[in-house]
Amino acid sequence: MVEAALADGKETATDRMEFATQLFGAFRYLSAISNNVNQMAKAANATGELPQELSVTLAEVRRLAVRINGLLDEVSAR
């Protein structure tokens, strides 16, 4: 009942749950990527060389940033 009172009539509880699931997944993936970046930074500091995987990982960071921005744009449009 509270959920119905708070809803603006444009989205359902299922819509909100799907959005929350997508956002949680994006943040979980961001956490995993952050771990990879930290490992590469540690290796670069130890060897003085950048790991080959760095460009691929940074491309994933950019892709994820676009995904998160898209999800946030959806919220702003509501």
PDB file of N, CA and C in Angstrom:
ATOM      1  N   MET A   1       0.823  -1.178   0.000  1.00  0.00           N
ATOM      2  CA  MET A   1       0.000   0.000   0.000  1.00  0.00           C
ATOM      3  C   MET A   1       0.874   1.251   0.000  1.00  0.00           C
ATOM      4  N   VAL A   2       1.915   1.264   0.829  1.00  0.00           N
ATOM      5  CA  VAL A   2       2.832   2.403   0.861  1.00  0.00           C
ATOM      6  C   VAL A   2       3.504   2.549  -0.495  1.00  0.00           C
ATOM      7  N   GLU A   3       3.895   1.433  -1.085  1.00  0.00           N
ATOM      8  CA  GLU A   3       4.538   1.454  -2.405  1.00  0.00           C
ATOM      9  C   GLU A   3       3.619   2.115  -3.423  1.00  0.00           C
ATOM     10  N   ALA A   4       2.348   1.779  -3.391  1.00  0.00           N
ATOM     11  CA  ALA A   4       1.395   2.363  -4.332  1.00  0.00           C
ATOM     12  C   ALA A   4       1.236   3.858  -4.100  1.00  0.00           C
ATOM     13  N   ALA A   5       1.251   4.273  -2.851  1.00  0.00           N
ATOM     14  CA  ALA A   5       1.115   5.694  -2.538  1.00  0.00           C
ATOM     15  C   ALA A   5       2.327   6.487  -2.998  1.00  0.00           C
ATOM     16  N   LEU A   6       3.498   5.894  -2.938  1.00  0.00           N
ATOM     17  CA  LEU A   6       4.723   6.586  -3.327  1.00  0.00           C
ATOM     18  C   LEU A   6       4.969   6.553  -4.830  1.00  0.00           C
ATOM     19  N   ALA A   7       4.356   5.630  -5.522  1.00  0.00           N
ATOM     20  CA  ALA A   7       4.575   5.507  -6.962  1.00  0.00           C
ATOM     21  C   ALA A   7       3.916   6.666  -7.687  1.00  0.00           C
ATOM     22  N   ASP A   8       4.542   7.112  -8.760  1.00  0.00           N
ATOM     23  CA  ASP A   8       3.993   8.222  -9.526  1.00  0.00           C
ATOM     24  C   ASP A   8       3.041   7.753 -10.619  1.00  0.00           C
ATOM     25  N   GLY A   9       2.762   6.474 -10.666  1.00  0.00           N
ATOM     26  CA  GLY A   9       1.837   5.938 -11.641  1.00  0.00           C
ATOM     27  C   GLY A   9       2.481   5.577 -12.965  1.00  0.00           C
ATOM     28  N   LYS A  10       3.715   5.940 -13.173  1.00  0.00           N
ATOM     29  CA  LYS A  10       4.389   5.688 -14.435  1.00  0.00           C
ATOM     30  C   LYS A  10       5.216   4.413 -14.404  1.00  0.00           C
ATOM     31  N   GLU A  11       5.580   3.953 -13.244  1.00  0.00           N
ATOM     32  CA  GLU A  11       6.422   2.765 -13.151  1.00  0.00           C
ATOM     33  C   GLU A  11       5.851   1.814 -12.115  1.00  0.00           C
ATOM     34  N   THR A  12       6.143   0.558 -12.309  1.00  0.00           N
ATOM     35  CA  THR A  12       5.656  -0.463 -11.393  1.00  0.00           C
ATOM     36  C   THR A  12       6.770  -0.865 -10.435  1.00  0.00           C
ATOM     37  N   ALA A  13       6.399  -1.630  -9.448  1.00  0.00           N
ATOM     38  CA  ALA A  13       7.399  -2.154  -8.516  1.00  0.00           C
ATOM     39  C   ALA A  13       8.400  -3.029  -9.269  1.00  0.00           C
ATOM     40  N   THR A  14       7.924  -3.743 -10.273  1.00  0.00           N
ATOM     41  CA  THR A  14       8.814  -4.580 -11.084  1.00  0.00           C
ATOM     42  C   THR A  14       9.820  -3.719 -11.839  1.00  0.00           C
ATOM     43  N   ASP A  15       9.365  -2.587 -12.375  1.00  0.00           N
ATOM     44  CA  ASP A  15      10.277  -1.663 -13.066  1.00  0.00           C
ATOM     45  C   ASP A  15      11.355  -1.160 -12.119  1.00  0.00           C
ATOM     46  N   ARG A  16      10.945  -0.777 -10.929  1.00  0.00           N
ATOM     47  CA  ARG A  16      11.912  -0.269  -9.944  1.00  0.00           C
ATOM     48  C   ARG A  16      12.888  -1.355  -9.520  1.00  0.00           C
ATOM     49  N   MET A  17      12.407  -2.586  -9.367  1.00  0.00           N
ATOM     50  CA  MET A  17      13.275  -3.696  -8.986  1.00  0.00           C
ATOM     51  C   MET A  17      14.269  -3.998 -10.103  1.00  0.00           C
ATOM     52  N   GLU A  18      13.811  -3.969 -11.346  1.00  0.00           N
ATOM     53  CA  GLU A  18      14.712  -4.222 -12.474  1.00  0.00           C
ATOM     54  C   GLU A  18      15.788  -3.141 -12.549  1.00  0.00           C
ATOM     55  N   PHE A  19      15.390  -1.897 -12.349  1.00  0.00           N
ATOM     56  CA  PHE A  19      16.365  -0.805 -12.360  1.00  0.00           C
ATOM     57  C   PHE A  19      17.387  -0.982 -11.240  1.00  0.00           C
ATOM     58  N   ALA A  20      16.917  -1.299 -10.042  1.00  0.00           N
ATOM     59  CA  ALA A  20      17.820  -1.494  -8.906  1.00  0.00           C
ATOM     60  C   ALA A  20      18.783  -2.647  -9.177  1.00  0.00           C
ATOM     61  N   THR A  21      18.287  -3.708  -9.791  1.00  0.00           N
ATOM     62  CA  THR A  21      19.133  -4.855 -10.126  1.00  0.00           C
ATOM     63  C   THR A  21      20.211  -4.462 -11.128  1.00  0.00           C
ATOM     64  N   GLN A  22      19.830  -3.696 -12.152  1.00  0.00           N
ATOM     65  CA  GLN A  22      20.804  -3.246 -13.144  1.00  0.00           C
ATOM     66  C   GLN A  22      21.851  -2.335 -12.511  1.00  0.00           C
ATOM     67  N   LEU A  23      21.414  -1.422 -11.672  1.00  0.00           N
ATOM     68  CA  LEU A  23      22.347  -0.500 -11.035  1.00  0.00           C
ATOM     69  C   LEU A  23      23.283  -1.246 -10.085  1.00  0.00           C
ATOM     70  N   PHE A  24      22.748  -2.191  -9.315  1.00  0.00           N
ATOM     71  CA  PHE A  24      23.580  -2.991  -8.423  1.00  0.00           C
ATOM     72  C   PHE A  24      24.621  -3.775  -9.222  1.00  0.00           C
ATOM     73  N   GLY A  25      24.194  -4.360 -10.339  1.00  0.00           N
ATOM     74  CA  GLY A  25      25.123  -5.105 -11.189  1.00  0.00           C
ATOM     75  C   GLY A  25      26.234  -4.225 -11.737  1.00  0.00           C
ATOM     76  N   ALA A  26      25.884  -3.004 -12.115  1.00  0.00           N
ATOM     77  CA  ALA A  26      26.893  -2.075 -12.634  1.00  0.00           C
ATOM     78  C   ALA A  26      27.900  -1.722 -11.548  1.00  0.00           C
ATOM     79  N   PHE A  27      27.427  -1.469 -10.345  1.00  0.00           N
ATOM     80  CA  PHE A  27      28.344  -1.143  -9.254  1.00  0.00           C
ATOM     81  C   PHE A  27      29.210  -2.337  -8.859  1.00  0.00           C
ATOM     82  N   ARG A  28      28.641  -3.534  -8.920  1.00  0.00           N
ATOM     83  CA  ARG A  28      29.422  -4.740  -8.612  1.00  0.00           C
ATOM     84  C   ARG A  28      30.530  -4.929  -9.646  1.00  0.00           C
ATOM     85  N   TYR A  29      30.188  -4.708 -10.905  1.00  0.00           N
ATOM     86  CA  TYR A  29      31.172  -4.822 -11.980  1.00  0.00           C
ATOM     87  C   TYR A  29      32.242  -3.742 -11.833  1.00  0.00           C
ATOM     88  N   LEU A  30      31.839  -2.547 -11.457  1.00  0.00           N
ATOM     89  CA  LEU A  30      32.792  -1.461 -11.229  1.00  0.00           C
ATOM     90  C   LEU A  30      33.768  -1.826 -10.117  1.00  0.00           C
ATOM     91  N   SER A  31      33.280  -2.479  -9.086  1.00  0.00           N
ATOM     92  CA  SER A  31      34.146  -2.923  -7.996  1.00  0.00           C
ATOM     93  C   SER A  31      35.189  -3.926  -8.492  1.00  0.00           C
ATOM     94  N   ALA A  32      34.762  -4.857  -9.339  1.00  0.00           N
ATOM     95  CA  ALA A  32      35.695  -5.851  -9.881  1.00  0.00           C
ATOM     96  C   ALA A  32      36.747  -5.183 -10.762  1.00  0.00           C
ATOM     97  N   ILE A  33      36.313  -4.234 -11.582  1.00  0.00           N
ATOM     98  CA  ILE A  33      37.259  -3.524 -12.446  1.00  0.00           C
ATOM     99  C   ILE A  33      38.237  -2.716 -11.603  1.00  0.00           C
ATOM    100  N   SER A  34      37.746  -2.090 -10.545  1.00  0.00           N
ATOM    101  CA  SER A  34      38.621  -1.310  -9.666  1.00  0.00           C
ATOM    102  C   SER A  34      39.722  -2.181  -9.083  1.00  0.00           C
ATOM    103  N   ASN A  35      39.375  -3.407  -8.730  1.00  0.00           N
ATOM    104  CA  ASN A  35      40.366  -4.344  -8.215  1.00  0.00           C
ATOM    105  C   ASN A  35      41.438  -4.616  -9.271  1.00  0.00           C
ATOM    106  N   ASN A  36      41.016  -4.807 -10.526  1.00  0.00           N
ATOM    107  CA  ASN A  36      41.979  -5.041 -11.610  1.00  0.00           C
ATOM    108  C   ASN A  36      42.891  -3.836 -11.810  1.00  0.00           C
ATOM    109  N   VAL A  37      42.330  -2.641 -11.778  1.00  0.00           N
ATOM    110  CA  VAL A  37      43.135  -1.427 -11.950  1.00  0.00           C
ATOM    111  C   VAL A  37      44.153  -1.312 -10.819  1.00  0.00           C
ATOM    112  N   ASN A  38      43.737  -1.613  -9.598  1.00  0.00           N
ATOM    113  CA  ASN A  38      44.668  -1.562  -8.464  1.00  0.00           C
ATOM    114  C   ASN A  38      45.811  -2.567  -8.635  1.00  0.00           C
ATOM    115  N   GLN A  39      45.499  -3.764  -9.112  1.00  0.00           N
ATOM    116  CA  GLN A  39      46.541  -4.770  -9.343  1.00  0.00           C
ATOM    117  C   GLN A  39      47.510  -4.313 -10.428  1.00  0.00           C
ATOM    118  N   MET A  40      46.978  -3.688 -11.485  1.00  0.00           N
ATOM    119  CA  MET A  40      47.851  -3.193 -12.555  1.00  0.00           C
ATOM    120  C   MET A  40      48.718  -2.034 -12.076  1.00  0.00           C
ATOM    121  N   ALA A  41      48.152  -1.181 -11.235  1.00  0.00           N
ATOM    122  CA  ALA A  41      48.942  -0.068 -10.692  1.00  0.00           C
ATOM    123  C   ALA A  41      50.077  -0.602  -9.824  1.00  0.00           C
ATOM    124  N   LYS A  42      49.782  -1.629  -9.026  1.00  0.00           N
ATOM    125  CA  LYS A  42      50.819  -2.233  -8.187  1.00  0.00           C
ATOM    126  C   LYS A  42      51.935  -2.817  -9.053  1.00  0.00           C
ATOM    127  N   ALA A  43      51.553  -3.518 -10.123  1.00  0.00           N
ATOM    128  CA  ALA A  43      52.551  -4.103 -11.029  1.00  0.00           C
ATOM    129  C   ALA A  43      53.355  -3.011 -11.729  1.00  0.00           C
ATOM    130  N   ALA A  44      52.695  -1.952 -12.157  1.00  0.00           N
ATOM    131  CA  ALA A  44      53.388  -0.848 -12.836  1.00  0.00           C
ATOM    132  C   ALA A  44      54.365  -0.164 -11.890  1.00  0.00           C
ATOM    133  N   ASN A  45      53.973   0.010 -10.650  1.00  0.00           N
ATOM    134  CA  ASN A  45      54.869   0.626  -9.669  1.00  0.00           C
ATOM    135  C   ASN A  45      56.079  -0.261  -9.379  1.00  0.00           C
ATOM    136  N   ALA A  46      55.875  -1.569  -9.383  1.00  0.00           N
ATOM    137  CA  ALA A  46      56.971  -2.496  -9.083  1.00  0.00           C
ATOM    138  C   ALA A  46      57.942  -2.650 -10.254  1.00  0.00           C
ATOM    139  N   THR A  47      57.404  -2.618 -11.473  1.00  0.00           N
ATOM    140  CA  THR A  47      58.250  -2.895 -12.641  1.00  0.00           C
ATOM    141  C   THR A  47      58.605  -1.656 -13.460  1.00  0.00           C
ATOM    142  N   GLY A  48      57.837  -0.605 -13.292  1.00  0.00           N
ATOM    143  CA  GLY A  48      58.039   0.596 -14.108  1.00  0.00           C
ATOM    144  C   GLY A  48      57.439   0.473 -15.498  1.00  0.00           C
ATOM    145  N   GLU A  49      56.695  -0.595 -15.754  1.00  0.00           N
ATOM    146  CA  GLU A  49      56.068  -0.825 -17.057  1.00  0.00           C
ATOM    147  C   GLU A  49      54.560  -0.955 -16.890  1.00  0.00           C
ATOM    148  N   LEU A  50      53.825  -0.459 -17.885  1.00  0.00           N
ATOM    149  CA  LEU A  50      52.371  -0.582 -17.856  1.00  0.00           C
ATOM    150  C   LEU A  50      51.958  -1.952 -18.381  1.00  0.00           C
ATOM    151  N   PRO A  51      51.051  -2.629 -17.674  1.00  0.00           N
ATOM    152  CA  PRO A  51      50.573  -3.933 -18.141  1.00  0.00           C
ATOM    153  C   PRO A  51      49.829  -3.799 -19.473  1.00  0.00           C
ATOM    154  N   GLN A  52      49.922  -4.826 -20.300  1.00  0.00           N
ATOM    155  CA  GLN A  52      49.243  -4.822 -21.599  1.00  0.00           C
ATOM    156  C   GLN A  52      47.728  -4.735 -21.450  1.00  0.00           C
ATOM    157  N   GLU A  53      47.200  -5.261 -20.369  1.00  0.00           N
ATOM    158  CA  GLU A  53      45.749  -5.292 -20.161  1.00  0.00           C
ATOM    159  C   GLU A  53      45.167  -3.928 -19.819  1.00  0.00           C
ATOM    160  N   LEU A  54      46.023  -2.948 -19.563  1.00  0.00           N
ATOM    161  CA  LEU A  54      45.540  -1.650 -19.095  1.00  0.00           C
ATOM    162  C   LEU A  54      44.566  -1.009 -20.079  1.00  0.00           C
ATOM    163  N   SER A  55      44.864  -1.015 -21.348  1.00  0.00           N
ATOM    164  CA  SER A  55      43.983  -0.353 -22.315  1.00  0.00           C
ATOM    165  C   SER A  55      42.622  -1.039 -22.394  1.00  0.00           C
ATOM    166  N   VAL A  56      42.599  -2.366 -22.306  1.00  0.00           N
ATOM    167  CA  VAL A  56      41.331  -3.096 -22.325  1.00  0.00           C
ATOM    168  C   VAL A  56      40.524  -2.777 -21.074  1.00  0.00           C
ATOM    169  N   THR A  57      41.185  -2.753 -19.935  1.00  0.00           N
ATOM    170  CA  THR A  57      40.499  -2.469 -18.677  1.00  0.00           C
ATOM    171  C   THR A  57      39.949  -1.051 -18.669  1.00  0.00           C
ATOM    172  N   LEU A  58      40.722  -0.096 -19.138  1.00  0.00           N
ATOM    173  CA  LEU A  58      40.243   1.286 -19.178  1.00  0.00           C
ATOM    174  C   LEU A  58      39.076   1.442 -20.155  1.00  0.00           C
ATOM    175  N   ALA A  59      39.081   0.678 -21.237  1.00  0.00           N
ATOM    176  CA  ALA A  59      37.942   0.695 -22.158  1.00  0.00           C
ATOM    177  C   ALA A  59      36.689   0.171 -21.461  1.00  0.00           C
ATOM    178  N   GLU A  60      36.851  -0.856 -20.621  1.00  0.00           N
ATOM    179  CA  GLU A  60      35.719  -1.383 -19.853  1.00  0.00           C
ATOM    180  C   GLU A  60      35.216  -0.351 -18.847  1.00  0.00           C
ATOM    181  N   VAL A  61      36.132   0.381 -18.224  1.00  0.00           N
ATOM    182  CA  VAL A  61      35.735   1.440 -17.288  1.00  0.00           C
ATOM    183  C   VAL A  61      34.895   2.477 -18.028  1.00  0.00           C
ATOM    184  N   ARG A  62      35.343   2.876 -19.202  1.00  0.00           N
ATOM    185  CA  ARG A  62      34.583   3.861 -19.993  1.00  0.00           C
ATOM    186  C   ARG A  62      33.210   3.313 -20.378  1.00  0.00           C
ATOM    187  N   ARG A  63      33.161   2.044 -20.810  1.00  0.00           N
ATOM    188  CA  ARG A  63      31.890   1.426 -21.192  1.00  0.00           C
ATOM    189  C   ARG A  63      30.930   1.375 -20.006  1.00  0.00           C
ATOM    190  N   LEU A  64      31.464   1.036 -18.853  1.00  0.00           N
ATOM    191  CA  LEU A  64      30.642   0.968 -17.654  1.00  0.00           C
ATOM    192  C   LEU A  64      30.160   2.352 -17.244  1.00  0.00           C
ATOM    193  N   ALA A  65      31.003   3.358 -17.375  1.00  0.00           N
ATOM    194  CA  ALA A  65      30.595   4.728 -17.053  1.00  0.00           C
ATOM    195  C   ALA A  65      29.426   5.155 -17.939  1.00  0.00           C
ATOM    196  N   VAL A  66      29.480   4.798 -19.216  1.00  0.00           N
ATOM    197  CA  VAL A  66      28.378   5.115 -20.132  1.00  0.00           C
ATOM    198  C   VAL A  66      27.111   4.388 -19.691  1.00  0.00           C
ATOM    199  N   ARG A  67      27.250   3.130 -19.286  1.00  0.00           N
ATOM    200  CA  ARG A  67      26.093   2.344 -18.828  1.00  0.00           C
ATOM    201  C   ARG A  67      25.474   2.969 -17.580  1.00  0.00           C
ATOM    202  N   ILE A  68      26.296   3.339 -16.616  1.00  0.00           N
ATOM    203  CA  ILE A  68      25.788   3.945 -15.383  1.00  0.00           C
ATOM    204  C   ILE A  68      25.133   5.282 -15.697  1.00  0.00           C
ATOM    205  N   ASN A  69      25.752   6.085 -16.558  1.00  0.00           N
ATOM    206  CA  ASN A  69      25.149   7.364 -16.937  1.00  0.00           C
ATOM    207  C   ASN A  69      23.789   7.152 -17.593  1.00  0.00           C
ATOM    208  N   GLY A  70      23.674   6.122 -18.421  1.00  0.00           N
ATOM    209  CA  GLY A  70      22.391   5.809 -19.042  1.00  0.00           C
ATOM    210  C   GLY A  70      21.336   5.451 -18.016  1.00  0.00           C
ATOM    211  N   LEU A  71      21.710   4.656 -17.033  1.00  0.00           N
ATOM    212  CA  LEU A  71      20.766   4.302 -15.973  1.00  0.00           C
ATOM    213  C   LEU A  71      20.347   5.535 -15.180  1.00  0.00           C
ATOM    214  N   LEU A  72      21.297   6.399 -14.888  1.00  0.00           N
ATOM    215  CA  LEU A  72      20.973   7.613 -14.144  1.00  0.00           C
ATOM    216  C   LEU A  72      20.121   8.566 -14.977  1.00  0.00           C
ATOM    217  N   ASP A  73      20.341   8.610 -16.288  1.00  0.00           N
ATOM    218  CA  ASP A  73      19.490   9.415 -17.170  1.00  0.00           C
ATOM    219  C   ASP A  73      18.052   8.914 -17.137  1.00  0.00           C
ATOM    220  N   GLU A  74      17.887   7.588 -17.065  1.00  0.00           N
ATOM    221  CA  GLU A  74      16.542   7.015 -16.950  1.00  0.00           C
ATOM    222  C   GLU A  74      15.845   7.523 -15.696  1.00  0.00           C
ATOM    223  N   VAL A  75      16.574   7.574 -14.594  1.00  0.00           N
ATOM    224  CA  VAL A  75      15.992   8.043 -13.336  1.00  0.00           C
ATOM    225  C   VAL A  75      15.619   9.516 -13.453  1.00  0.00           C
ATOM    226  N   SER A  76      16.494  10.303 -14.059  1.00  0.00           N
ATOM    227  CA  SER A  76      16.239  11.735 -14.203  1.00  0.00           C
ATOM    228  C   SER A  76      15.020  12.005 -15.074  1.00  0.00           C
ATOM    229  N   ALA A  77      14.777  11.144 -16.048  1.00  0.00           N
ATOM    230  CA  ALA A  77      13.656  11.337 -16.964  1.00  0.00           C
ATOM    231  C   ALA A  77      12.318  10.966 -16.337  1.00  0.00           C
ATOM    232  N   ARG A  78      12.329  10.320 -15.220  1.00  0.00           N
ATOM    233  CA  ARG A  78      11.076   9.871 -14.580  1.00  0.00           C
ATOM    234  C   ARG A  78      10.379  11.002 -13.885  1.00  0.00           C
TER     235      ARG A  78
END
